[in-house]
Amino acid sequence: MLLTPPIQRTGSSSKVPMADSEMTSFGEHMLRIKEKCLCWILVQEKVLTTDDLQKRGWPHHDQCALCNGPLETCLHLSLLCPFVKAVWSQVLSWEHFDVQLIHPTQDPPHLKSWWEEAATKIAKQERRRFNGMVIYTLWNIWKERNRRIFNNAHESALQVALRVKEDIEQRKRALAWGGGNIVGGIV
């Protein structure tokens, strides 16, 4: 079994909604560790996107795997890609959040700053649900990117959004079944 250290808050990143206290209360460990870790790596901008691969001189695609547009960066992959915006718009609409959250007046400098600002626009009692939706959305976007690169398979934005919706629904069913206190975090 692979053991991973807990996600710690340090310094200026204490406002990021990736804190263990918020993650734990999001359904008592209902998010699997891999979703939490990916989002933490995305927020820290440490995921190996094509811009990082290029800097290291490693093999990479010259454009975004999702839109064939500009060189893939963490921010582009998470928020700015037209394909990703279509996924976000659909998921935000289904979950009854303001679709304009994904269309800020100016592009955010980092995923972290967008997430912090978006979370402040959500009612306090809805923030955990919003953070969970963000995590599941980012996870499924990452999986689609990898599906395209490694499996040469493509899904539409609607199909990816449906995968996000399915993950959210599974979580809701698990919470209803287990009273929100499932041991081990298995969804």
Protein backbone atom coordinates (compact mmCIF):
# COMPACT_ATOMS: atom_id res chain seq x y z
CA MET A 1 0.00 0.00 0.00
CA LEU A 2 1.37 3.39 -0.98
CA LEU A 3 1.48 5.82 1.90
CA THR A 4 1.40 9.51 1.19
CA PRO A 5 2.07 12.36 3.58
CA PRO A 6 -0.86 14.54 4.57
CA ILE A 7 -1.33 17.77 2.65
CA GLN A 8 0.02 20.59 4.78
CA ARG A 9 -0.78 24.27 4.64
CA THR A 10 2.18 26.59 4.77
CA GLY A 11 2.73 30.31 4.50
CA SER A 12 0.72 32.22 1.95
CA SER A 13 -1.05 29.14 0.61
CA SER A 14 -3.24 28.88 3.71
CA LYS A 15 -6.23 30.34 1.85
CA VAL A 16 -6.25 27.62 -0.81
CA PRO A 17 -9.30 25.40 -0.36
CA MET A 18 -7.06 22.32 -0.43
CA ALA A 19 -6.53 22.28 3.31
CA ASP A 20 -6.90 18.93 5.05
CA SER A 21 -9.56 20.35 7.36
CA GLU A 22 -11.81 21.28 4.44
CA MET A 23 -10.99 18.13 2.50
CA THR A 24 -11.78 15.91 5.48
CA SER A 25 -15.09 17.61 6.10
CA PHE A 26 -15.94 17.16 2.41
CA GLY A 27 -17.68 13.87 3.10
CA GLU A 28 -15.27 12.43 5.67
CA HIS A 29 -12.54 11.40 3.23
CA MET A 30 -14.95 10.83 0.36
CA LEU A 31 -12.40 12.06 -2.13
CA ARG A 32 -9.80 9.50 -3.01
CA ILE A 33 -6.22 10.48 -2.33
CA LYS A 34 -5.33 10.56 -6.03
CA GLU A 35 -7.86 13.34 -6.76
CA LYS A 36 -6.65 15.38 -3.80
CA CYS A 37 -2.99 14.90 -4.74
CA LEU A 38 -3.54 15.88 -8.37
CA CYS A 39 -5.31 19.07 -7.36
CA TRP A 40 -2.63 19.91 -4.83
CA ILE A 41 0.02 19.43 -7.54
CA LEU A 42 -2.02 21.58 -9.97
CA VAL A 43 -2.41 24.36 -7.39
CA GLN A 44 1.34 24.24 -6.73
CA GLU A 45 1.92 24.29 -10.53
CA LYS A 46 4.13 21.21 -10.30
CA VAL A 47 2.24 18.95 -12.73
CA LEU A 48 4.24 17.99 -15.80
CA THR A 49 2.47 19.91 -18.55
CA THR A 50 4.08 20.37 -21.96
CA ASP A 51 5.65 23.70 -20.97
CA ASP A 52 7.51 21.95 -18.11
CA LEU A 53 8.46 19.02 -20.33
CA GLN A 54 9.83 21.51 -22.88
CA LYS A 55 11.95 23.25 -20.21
CA ARG A 56 13.47 19.88 -19.28
CA GLY A 57 14.14 18.92 -22.88
CA TRP A 58 11.83 15.89 -22.61
CA PRO A 59 9.60 14.67 -25.46
CA HIS A 60 6.30 16.54 -25.59
CA HIS A 61 3.52 17.74 -27.85
CA ASP A 62 3.87 21.27 -29.18
CA GLN A 63 0.30 22.24 -28.32
CA CYS A 64 -2.50 21.52 -25.89
CA ALA A 65 -3.77 17.94 -26.21
CA LEU A 66 -7.35 19.10 -25.65
CA CYS A 67 -7.71 22.03 -28.06
CA ASN A 68 -4.61 21.86 -30.28
CA GLY A 69 -4.05 25.45 -29.24
CA PRO A 70 -1.15 27.07 -27.42
CA LEU A 71 1.50 25.25 -25.44
CA GLU A 72 -0.14 23.49 -22.51
CA THR A 73 0.45 25.13 -19.12
CA CYS A 74 -1.11 24.29 -15.79
CA LEU A 75 -3.43 27.30 -16.02
CA HIS A 76 -4.39 26.59 -19.63
CA LEU A 77 -5.11 22.93 -18.86
CA SER A 78 -7.19 23.82 -15.77
CA LEU A 79 -9.12 26.92 -16.85
CA LEU A 80 -8.24 28.65 -20.10
CA CYS A 81 -8.48 25.92 -22.74
CA PRO A 82 -11.70 26.24 -24.81
CA PHE A 83 -12.40 22.51 -24.33
CA VAL A 84 -11.95 22.88 -20.57
CA LYS A 85 -14.21 25.96 -20.47
CA ALA A 86 -16.96 23.92 -22.16
CA VAL A 87 -16.58 21.19 -19.51
CA TRP A 88 -16.61 23.75 -16.68
CA SER A 89 -19.65 25.56 -18.07
CA GLN A 90 -21.65 22.34 -18.25
CA VAL A 91 -20.67 21.14 -14.78
CA LEU A 92 -21.24 24.53 -13.15
CA SER A 93 -24.65 24.71 -14.77
CA TRP A 94 -25.65 21.21 -13.61
CA GLU A 95 -24.46 21.92 -10.09
CA HIS A 96 -26.30 25.29 -10.00
CA PHE A 97 -23.23 27.47 -9.65
CA ASP A 98 -22.68 30.69 -11.60
CA VAL A 99 -21.24 29.75 -15.00
CA GLN A 100 -19.44 33.11 -15.03
CA LEU A 101 -17.01 31.73 -12.43
CA ILE A 102 -15.07 30.15 -15.28
CA HIS A 103 -15.16 33.38 -17.32
CA PRO A 104 -13.46 35.99 -15.11
CA THR A 105 -13.06 39.51 -16.48
CA GLN A 106 -9.33 38.87 -16.85
CA ASP A 107 -7.32 35.68 -16.91
CA PRO A 108 -6.11 34.72 -13.44
CA PRO A 109 -2.34 34.44 -12.96
CA HIS A 110 -2.62 31.02 -11.29
CA LEU A 111 -5.17 28.28 -10.63
CA LYS A 112 -4.76 28.96 -6.92
CA SER A 113 -5.80 32.61 -7.24
CA TRP A 114 -8.81 31.70 -9.41
CA TRP A 115 -9.92 29.05 -6.91
CA GLU A 116 -9.56 31.38 -3.93
CA GLU A 117 -11.50 34.14 -5.66
CA ALA A 118 -14.21 31.80 -6.95
CA ALA A 119 -14.67 30.25 -3.50
CA THR A 120 -15.31 33.69 -1.99
CA LYS A 121 -18.22 34.14 -4.42
CA ILE A 122 -19.88 30.95 -3.15
CA ALA A 123 -22.11 30.94 -0.08
CA LYS A 124 -20.20 29.56 2.91
CA GLN A 125 -22.54 26.58 3.31
CA GLU A 126 -21.94 25.63 -0.36
CA ARG A 127 -18.13 25.93 -0.43
CA ARG A 128 -17.39 22.32 0.43
CA ARG A 129 -19.67 21.14 -2.36
CA PHE A 130 -18.07 23.68 -4.71
CA ASN A 131 -14.53 22.58 -3.76
CA GLY A 132 -15.48 18.95 -4.31
CA MET A 133 -16.93 19.81 -7.71
CA VAL A 134 -13.72 21.66 -8.63
CA ILE A 135 -11.60 18.67 -7.60
CA TYR A 136 -13.71 16.18 -9.58
CA THR A 137 -13.72 18.49 -12.61
CA LEU A 138 -9.95 18.95 -12.58
CA TRP A 139 -9.47 15.21 -12.09
CA ASN A 140 -11.60 14.33 -15.10
CA ILE A 141 -9.98 17.00 -17.27
CA TRP A 142 -6.58 15.52 -16.39
CA LYS A 143 -7.83 12.01 -17.21
CA GLU A 144 -9.13 13.20 -20.59
CA ARG A 145 -5.82 14.87 -21.37
CA ASN A 146 -3.99 11.63 -20.56
CA ARG A 147 -6.53 9.54 -22.49
CA ARG A 148 -5.77 11.64 -25.58
CA ILE A 149 -2.00 11.49 -25.16
CA PHE A 150 -1.50 7.88 -24.06
CA ASN A 151 -4.53 6.01 -25.45
CA ASN A 152 -5.20 8.08 -28.57
CA ALA A 153 -8.86 8.18 -27.52
CA HIS A 154 -11.03 11.29 -27.39
CA GLU A 155 -14.21 12.21 -25.56
CA SER A 156 -16.30 15.31 -26.12
CA ALA A 157 -16.58 18.07 -23.51
CA LEU A 158 -20.08 16.81 -22.72
CA GLN A 159 -18.80 13.27 -22.14
CA VAL A 160 -16.10 14.56 -19.77
CA ALA A 161 -18.69 16.68 -17.96
CA LEU A 162 -20.88 13.58 -17.63
CA ARG A 163 -17.96 11.76 -16.01
CA VAL A 164 -17.67 14.61 -13.50
CA LYS A 165 -21.40 14.43 -12.84
CA GLU A 166 -21.14 10.66 -12.32
CA ASP A 167 -18.32 11.12 -9.78
CA ILE A 168 -20.38 13.71 -7.90
CA GLU A 169 -23.44 11.46 -7.95
CA GLN A 170 -21.40 8.50 -6.65
CA ARG A 171 -20.22 10.64 -3.78
CA LYS A 172 -23.77 11.72 -2.98
CA ARG A 173 -24.97 8.09 -3.02
CA ALA A 174 -22.09 7.02 -0.80
CA LEU A 175 -22.85 9.79 1.69
CA ALA A 176 -26.53 8.85 1.73
CA TRP A 177 -25.71 5.17 2.17
CA GLY A 178 -23.02 5.60 4.80
CA GLY A 179 -24.35 8.65 6.57
CA GLY A 180 -21.30 10.60 5.48
CA ASN A 181 -18.93 8.51 7.58
CA ILE A 182 -17.46 5.78 5.41
CA VAL A 183 -14.27 4.28 6.71
CA GLY A 184 -11.26 4.37 4.41
CA GLY A 185 -12.64 6.90 1.94
CA ILE A 186 -13.84 4.39 -0.62
CA VAL A 187 -16.28 5.88 -3.09
